[in-house]
Structures are given as structure tokens and as C-alpha cells.
N, C-alpha and C. Protein backbone atom coordinates (compact mmCIF):
# COMPACT_ATOMS: atom_id res chain seq x y z
N UNK A 1 157.21 295.39 103.91
CA UNK A 1 156.58 296.05 102.79
C UNK A 1 157.57 296.40 101.67
N UNK A 2 158.80 296.81 101.98
CA UNK A 2 159.71 297.18 100.89
C UNK A 2 160.11 295.97 100.02
N UNK A 3 159.82 294.77 100.49
CA UNK A 3 160.20 293.56 99.75
C UNK A 3 159.00 292.87 99.10
N UNK A 4 157.84 293.48 99.16
CA UNK A 4 156.62 292.84 98.66
C UNK A 4 156.71 292.51 97.17
N UNK A 5 157.27 293.39 96.37
CA UNK A 5 157.37 293.12 94.93
C UNK A 5 158.25 291.91 94.65
N UNK A 6 159.38 291.82 95.34
CA UNK A 6 160.28 290.69 95.15
C UNK A 6 159.61 289.39 95.57
N UNK A 7 158.97 289.39 96.73
CA UNK A 7 158.30 288.18 97.21
C UNK A 7 157.16 287.78 96.29
N UNK A 8 156.41 288.75 95.79
CA UNK A 8 155.33 288.45 94.85
C UNK A 8 155.89 287.85 93.57
N UNK A 9 156.99 288.38 93.07
CA UNK A 9 157.61 287.86 91.85
C UNK A 9 158.04 286.41 92.04
N UNK A 10 158.67 286.12 93.17
CA UNK A 10 159.11 284.74 93.46
C UNK A 10 157.91 283.81 93.51
N UNK A 11 156.89 284.19 94.28
CA UNK A 11 155.72 283.33 94.43
C UNK A 11 154.97 283.16 93.11
N UNK A 12 154.83 284.22 92.34
CA UNK A 12 154.14 284.13 91.05
C UNK A 12 154.89 283.21 90.09
N UNK A 13 156.20 283.29 90.07
CA UNK A 13 156.99 282.43 89.18
C UNK A 13 156.91 280.97 89.61
N UNK A 14 156.99 280.72 90.91
CA UNK A 14 156.86 279.34 91.41
C UNK A 14 155.49 278.76 91.06
N UNK A 15 154.44 279.57 91.26
CA UNK A 15 153.09 279.11 90.96
C UNK A 15 152.91 278.85 89.47
N UNK A 16 153.37 279.78 88.65
CA UNK A 16 153.25 279.61 87.19
C UNK A 16 153.98 278.35 86.72
N UNK A 17 155.16 278.11 87.27
CA UNK A 17 155.90 276.90 86.90
C UNK A 17 155.13 275.64 87.30
N UNK A 18 154.56 275.65 88.50
CA UNK A 18 153.79 274.48 88.95
C UNK A 18 152.59 274.24 88.05
N UNK A 19 151.90 275.30 87.69
CA UNK A 19 150.72 275.18 86.83
C UNK A 19 151.11 274.76 85.41
N UNK A 20 151.99 275.54 84.80
CA UNK A 20 152.27 275.33 83.38
C UNK A 20 153.12 274.10 83.10
N UNK A 21 154.13 273.85 83.92
CA UNK A 21 155.03 272.74 83.64
C UNK A 21 154.70 271.50 84.45
N UNK A 22 154.06 271.68 85.61
CA UNK A 22 153.65 270.55 86.43
C UNK A 22 152.31 270.00 85.99
N UNK A 23 151.25 270.75 86.22
CA UNK A 23 149.90 270.26 85.92
C UNK A 23 149.58 270.21 84.43
N UNK A 24 149.99 271.24 83.69
CA UNK A 24 149.62 271.31 82.28
C UNK A 24 150.65 270.69 81.34
N UNK A 25 151.84 270.39 81.86
CA UNK A 25 152.91 269.74 81.08
C UNK A 25 153.27 270.52 79.81
N UNK A 26 153.32 271.84 79.91
CA UNK A 26 153.71 272.67 78.77
C UNK A 26 155.23 272.74 78.67
N UNK A 27 155.73 272.82 77.47
CA UNK A 27 157.16 272.87 77.21
C UNK A 27 157.53 274.29 76.77
N UNK A 28 158.41 274.96 77.52
CA UNK A 28 158.79 276.34 77.22
C UNK A 28 159.52 276.49 75.90
N UNK A 29 160.05 275.42 75.37
CA UNK A 29 160.76 275.55 74.09
C UNK A 29 159.80 275.97 72.97
N UNK A 30 158.49 275.82 73.19
CA UNK A 30 157.52 276.31 72.21
C UNK A 30 157.64 277.82 72.01
N UNK A 31 158.12 278.52 73.04
CA UNK A 31 158.18 279.99 73.00
C UNK A 31 159.43 280.49 72.29
N UNK A 32 159.88 279.77 71.27
CA UNK A 32 161.10 280.13 70.57
C UNK A 32 160.99 281.37 69.70
N UNK A 33 159.79 281.75 69.31
CA UNK A 33 159.58 282.94 68.49
C UNK A 33 158.19 283.49 68.77
N UNK A 34 157.82 284.56 68.09
CA UNK A 34 156.51 285.19 68.35
C UNK A 34 155.36 284.22 68.10
N UNK A 35 155.45 283.44 67.02
CA UNK A 35 154.40 282.44 66.75
C UNK A 35 154.37 281.38 67.84
N UNK A 36 155.54 281.03 68.35
CA UNK A 36 155.63 280.04 69.41
C UNK A 36 154.97 280.52 70.69
N UNK A 37 155.14 281.79 71.02
CA UNK A 37 154.48 282.36 72.19
C UNK A 37 152.97 282.22 72.05
N UNK A 38 152.47 282.56 70.89
CA UNK A 38 151.02 282.47 70.65
C UNK A 38 150.56 281.02 70.79
N UNK A 39 151.31 280.08 70.21
CA UNK A 39 150.95 278.65 70.32
C UNK A 39 151.00 278.19 71.76
N UNK A 40 152.03 278.63 72.49
CA UNK A 40 152.18 278.24 73.90
C UNK A 40 150.95 278.66 74.71
N UNK A 41 150.56 279.92 74.56
CA UNK A 41 149.43 280.40 75.36
C UNK A 41 148.09 279.88 74.85
N UNK A 42 147.99 279.55 73.59
CA UNK A 42 146.79 278.89 73.08
C UNK A 42 146.70 277.48 73.66
N UNK A 43 147.82 276.79 73.67
CA UNK A 43 147.86 275.44 74.25
C UNK A 43 147.58 275.49 75.75
N UNK A 44 148.08 276.53 76.43
CA UNK A 44 147.83 276.71 77.86
C UNK A 44 146.34 276.84 78.13
N UNK A 45 145.66 277.67 77.35
CA UNK A 45 144.22 277.85 77.51
C UNK A 45 143.46 276.55 77.27
N UNK A 46 143.84 275.81 76.23
CA UNK A 46 143.16 274.54 75.93
C UNK A 46 143.36 273.54 77.07
N UNK A 47 144.58 273.44 77.56
CA UNK A 47 144.86 272.48 78.63
C UNK A 47 144.19 272.90 79.94
N UNK A 48 144.13 274.20 80.21
CA UNK A 48 143.41 274.66 81.40
C UNK A 48 141.94 274.29 81.32
N UNK A 49 141.36 274.47 80.14
CA UNK A 49 139.95 274.14 79.95
C UNK A 49 139.66 272.65 80.08
N UNK A 50 140.65 271.83 79.78
CA UNK A 50 140.47 270.38 79.85
C UNK A 50 140.90 269.79 81.19
N UNK A 51 141.53 270.58 82.04
CA UNK A 51 142.04 270.10 83.33
C UNK A 51 140.88 269.71 84.24
N UNK A 52 140.86 268.47 84.68
CA UNK A 52 139.77 267.99 85.53
C UNK A 52 140.19 267.74 86.96
N UNK A 53 141.46 267.57 87.19
CA UNK A 53 141.92 267.34 88.56
C UNK A 53 143.34 267.82 88.71
N UNK A 54 143.74 267.97 89.94
CA UNK A 54 145.08 268.42 90.27
C UNK A 54 145.02 269.51 91.32
N UNK A 55 146.13 269.75 91.94
CA UNK A 55 146.18 270.78 92.96
C UNK A 55 147.58 271.40 93.01
N UNK A 56 147.61 272.60 93.57
CA UNK A 56 148.85 273.30 93.85
C UNK A 56 148.77 273.79 95.29
N UNK A 57 149.79 273.45 96.05
CA UNK A 57 149.84 273.85 97.47
C UNK A 57 150.97 274.86 97.64
N UNK A 58 150.68 275.92 98.38
CA UNK A 58 151.66 276.97 98.66
C UNK A 58 151.89 277.00 100.17
N UNK A 59 153.15 277.00 100.55
CA UNK A 59 153.53 277.08 101.96
C UNK A 59 154.52 278.22 102.12
N UNK A 60 154.31 279.02 103.15
CA UNK A 60 155.22 280.13 103.45
C UNK A 60 155.74 279.93 104.86
N UNK A 61 157.01 280.17 105.05
CA UNK A 61 157.60 280.01 106.37
C UNK A 61 158.71 281.02 106.59
N UNK A 62 159.06 281.17 107.84
CA UNK A 62 160.14 282.07 108.22
C UNK A 62 161.09 281.28 109.10
N UNK A 63 162.35 281.22 108.70
CA UNK A 63 163.38 280.52 109.47
C UNK A 63 164.28 281.54 110.15
N UNK A 64 164.64 281.26 111.39
CA UNK A 64 165.56 282.12 112.12
C UNK A 64 166.83 281.33 112.35
N UNK A 65 167.94 281.91 112.02
CA UNK A 65 169.21 281.23 112.20
C UNK A 65 170.36 282.18 112.00
N UNK A 66 171.54 281.62 111.83
CA UNK A 66 172.72 282.43 111.59
C UNK A 66 172.52 283.25 110.31
N UNK A 67 172.89 284.48 110.36
CA UNK A 67 172.72 285.35 109.20
C UNK A 67 171.39 286.06 109.18
N UNK A 68 170.56 285.82 110.17
CA UNK A 68 169.27 286.49 110.25
C UNK A 68 168.13 285.67 109.69
N UNK A 69 166.93 286.24 109.69
CA UNK A 69 165.76 285.50 109.22
C UNK A 69 165.78 285.32 107.70
N UNK A 70 165.16 284.24 107.26
CA UNK A 70 164.97 284.05 105.83
C UNK A 70 163.60 283.44 105.60
N UNK A 71 163.03 283.80 104.50
CA UNK A 71 161.71 283.34 104.10
C UNK A 71 161.88 282.07 103.27
N UNK A 72 160.95 281.14 103.46
CA UNK A 72 160.90 279.94 102.62
C UNK A 72 159.53 279.95 101.94
N UNK A 73 159.56 279.95 100.61
CA UNK A 73 158.34 279.90 99.81
C UNK A 73 158.36 278.56 99.11
N UNK A 74 157.43 277.69 99.45
CA UNK A 74 157.39 276.35 98.86
C UNK A 74 156.12 276.20 98.05
N UNK A 75 156.27 275.63 96.87
CA UNK A 75 155.12 275.36 96.00
C UNK A 75 155.24 273.92 95.54
N UNK A 76 154.15 273.18 95.71
CA UNK A 76 154.10 271.76 95.32
C UNK A 76 152.84 271.52 94.52
N UNK A 77 152.96 270.70 93.49
CA UNK A 77 151.77 270.36 92.71
C UNK A 77 151.60 268.85 92.69
N UNK A 78 150.44 268.43 92.23
CA UNK A 78 150.08 267.01 92.26
C UNK A 78 150.59 266.22 91.06
N UNK A 79 151.40 266.84 90.23
CA UNK A 79 151.92 266.14 89.05
C UNK A 79 153.02 265.16 89.44
N UNK A 80 153.52 264.46 88.46
CA UNK A 80 154.65 263.56 88.69
C UNK A 80 155.98 264.29 88.55
N UNK A 81 155.95 265.60 88.45
CA UNK A 81 157.16 266.42 88.41
C UNK A 81 157.60 266.76 87.01
N UNK A 82 158.81 267.28 86.92
CA UNK A 82 159.38 267.65 85.63
C UNK A 82 160.89 267.52 85.74
N UNK A 83 161.56 267.58 84.65
CA UNK A 83 163.01 267.43 84.61
C UNK A 83 163.66 268.76 85.02
N UNK A 84 163.78 268.98 86.33
CA UNK A 84 164.31 270.25 86.81
C UNK A 84 165.80 270.40 86.52
N UNK A 85 166.50 269.31 86.34
CA UNK A 85 167.92 269.41 85.99
C UNK A 85 168.08 269.95 84.56
N UNK A 86 167.25 269.44 83.64
CA UNK A 86 167.29 269.94 82.26
C UNK A 86 166.87 271.40 82.23
N UNK A 87 165.86 271.75 83.01
CA UNK A 87 165.41 273.14 83.08
C UNK A 87 166.51 274.03 83.64
N UNK A 88 167.25 273.53 84.62
CA UNK A 88 168.37 274.29 85.18
C UNK A 88 169.46 274.52 84.16
N UNK A 89 169.72 273.52 83.33
CA UNK A 89 170.72 273.66 82.28
C UNK A 89 170.26 274.71 81.26
N UNK A 90 168.98 274.68 80.93
CA UNK A 90 168.45 275.67 79.98
C UNK A 90 168.58 277.07 80.56
N UNK A 91 168.35 277.22 81.86
CA UNK A 91 168.48 278.53 82.50
C UNK A 91 169.94 278.99 82.48
N UNK A 92 170.87 278.07 82.70
CA UNK A 92 172.30 278.41 82.64
C UNK A 92 172.68 278.84 81.24
N UNK A 93 172.19 278.11 80.23
CA UNK A 93 172.50 278.43 78.83
C UNK A 93 171.92 279.77 78.42
N UNK A 94 170.87 280.19 79.14
CA UNK A 94 170.17 281.43 78.81
C UNK A 94 170.37 282.48 79.90
N UNK A 95 171.55 282.53 80.46
CA UNK A 95 171.82 283.44 81.57
C UNK A 95 171.57 284.90 81.21
N UNK A 96 171.74 285.27 79.94
CA UNK A 96 171.52 286.66 79.54
C UNK A 96 170.04 286.95 79.28
N UNK A 97 169.17 285.92 79.28
CA UNK A 97 167.74 286.12 79.12
C UNK A 97 167.29 286.37 77.70
N UNK A 98 168.10 286.00 76.72
CA UNK A 98 167.74 286.27 75.33
C UNK A 98 166.76 285.26 74.75
N UNK A 99 166.59 284.12 75.40
CA UNK A 99 165.65 283.10 74.93
C UNK A 99 164.51 282.99 75.92
N UNK A 100 163.35 282.52 75.44
CA UNK A 100 162.19 282.39 76.32
C UNK A 100 162.35 281.24 77.30
N UNK A 101 163.01 280.19 76.88
CA UNK A 101 163.16 278.99 77.70
C UNK A 101 164.17 279.23 78.82
N UNK A 102 163.75 279.02 80.07
CA UNK A 102 164.65 279.13 81.21
C UNK A 102 164.72 280.50 81.87
N UNK A 103 164.01 281.47 81.32
CA UNK A 103 164.07 282.82 81.90
C UNK A 103 163.51 282.86 83.32
N UNK A 104 162.40 282.16 83.55
CA UNK A 104 161.79 282.18 84.88
C UNK A 104 162.68 281.57 85.93
N UNK A 105 163.32 280.46 85.59
CA UNK A 105 164.22 279.81 86.53
C UNK A 105 165.45 280.69 86.78
N UNK A 106 165.94 281.32 85.73
CA UNK A 106 167.07 282.24 85.89
C UNK A 106 166.67 283.39 86.82
N UNK A 107 165.48 283.92 86.65
CA UNK A 107 164.98 284.99 87.52
C UNK A 107 164.91 284.52 88.97
N UNK A 108 164.35 283.32 89.20
CA UNK A 108 164.27 282.78 90.56
C UNK A 108 165.65 282.64 91.18
N UNK A 109 166.58 282.12 90.41
CA UNK A 109 167.95 281.95 90.93
C UNK A 109 168.59 283.28 91.27
N UNK A 110 168.26 284.33 90.53
CA UNK A 110 168.85 285.64 90.80
C UNK A 110 168.24 286.29 92.05
N UNK A 111 167.00 285.95 92.36
CA UNK A 111 166.32 286.56 93.50
C UNK A 111 166.49 285.77 94.80
N UNK A 112 166.68 284.46 94.68
CA UNK A 112 166.69 283.59 95.86
C UNK A 112 168.10 283.16 96.23
N UNK A 113 168.29 282.94 97.50
CA UNK A 113 169.56 282.44 97.99
C UNK A 113 169.78 281.01 97.56
N UNK A 114 168.68 280.24 97.51
CA UNK A 114 168.77 278.83 97.16
C UNK A 114 167.41 278.33 96.68
N UNK A 115 167.43 277.39 95.73
CA UNK A 115 166.24 276.66 95.30
C UNK A 115 166.49 275.19 95.58
N UNK A 116 165.53 274.53 96.20
CA UNK A 116 165.65 273.10 96.47
C UNK A 116 164.45 272.38 95.85
N UNK A 117 164.74 271.36 95.07
CA UNK A 117 163.70 270.56 94.43
C UNK A 117 163.57 269.24 95.14
N UNK A 118 162.34 268.74 95.20
CA UNK A 118 162.08 267.40 95.73
C UNK A 118 160.85 266.84 95.01
N UNK A 119 160.53 265.62 95.32
CA UNK A 119 159.38 264.94 94.71
C UNK A 119 159.48 265.01 93.18
N UNK A 120 160.69 264.73 92.68
CA UNK A 120 160.94 264.69 91.23
C UNK A 120 160.62 266.02 90.54
N UNK A 121 160.77 267.11 91.27
CA UNK A 121 160.51 268.43 90.71
C UNK A 121 159.10 268.93 90.94
N UNK A 122 158.25 268.13 91.56
CA UNK A 122 156.87 268.57 91.82
C UNK A 122 156.80 269.51 93.03
N UNK A 123 157.91 269.63 93.76
CA UNK A 123 157.97 270.56 94.90
C UNK A 123 159.27 271.36 94.79
N UNK A 124 159.14 272.64 94.97
CA UNK A 124 160.33 273.50 95.00
C UNK A 124 160.22 274.43 96.19
N UNK A 125 161.34 274.59 96.87
CA UNK A 125 161.42 275.51 98.00
C UNK A 125 162.42 276.61 97.62
N UNK A 126 161.97 277.84 97.73
CA UNK A 126 162.81 278.99 97.44
C UNK A 126 163.17 279.67 98.75
N UNK A 127 164.45 279.87 98.98
CA UNK A 127 164.95 280.50 100.20
C UNK A 127 165.38 281.93 99.86
N UNK A 128 164.76 282.88 100.53
CA UNK A 128 165.01 284.29 100.25
C UNK A 128 165.35 285.02 101.55
N UNK A 129 166.33 285.88 101.45
CA UNK A 129 166.72 286.70 102.61
C UNK A 129 166.83 288.14 102.14
N UNK A 130 166.23 289.08 102.89
CA UNK A 130 166.33 290.49 102.49
C UNK A 130 167.77 291.00 102.54
């Protein structure tokens, strides 16, 4: 229970990334200013309304090993993925969180022990240990 907020934050960010960048193909660079945020969320609503197919799968697991138990939160979507390396570079460039682009990935990296991408970025596994 004392870790519920952290786990919810990780899962919510993974899910949002799968929806917005996987299924809806939204580009966070739109959020460069206040007008960009408005355009981003307007575009999000339009694309959600037009979405006819796709899925997001969530898997939760607990691994036991050296160093104690760790949680694995995996989120996969039916898209063809995204450029997670470019997104990682944007998160590194925005380590202080001053730009909208890459903040979510930076947050995930700060909360998780490790992030692993597969299926061309359509699947991400977040490893978290209390």
C-alpha cells in the first residue's frame, strides 16, 4: 500500500504512452508551448474519436531473485511501435523537465530500475523495486 502512488504513476505513464504515441501516433513536440498543448489534446480527442481498432495489453508480474522481489509492469499495444531511441534522447536532453517532450520517459526512468523495449517500441517493460 505505501507504494500504490508510485506504481499507479508508472502504469498510468506506460498506458498513456501506448495510447498517445502507439495507437494515436501523437508527437509530443507539439506541446512546445501553451498553444501546442491545446493543439495536442485537440488532436488527441479527434484521433480517439476516429480510432476504429487497436488494443493495449497490460501485464503485471512479480520476480523473486537476488536483491529481493521486483515488480514488472509491461504494456504492449497493437501499433507498429515508435522510435524509442529518439524519445530516450529527448528525455536525456530534457533531464530537468523544462520541456514538454520527454518528461514522461524521464519520470519513468527516475522511478524504475530499468525500462526494456521490444517489438520496435510497441512493448515496454518497467522493472520497479521498493
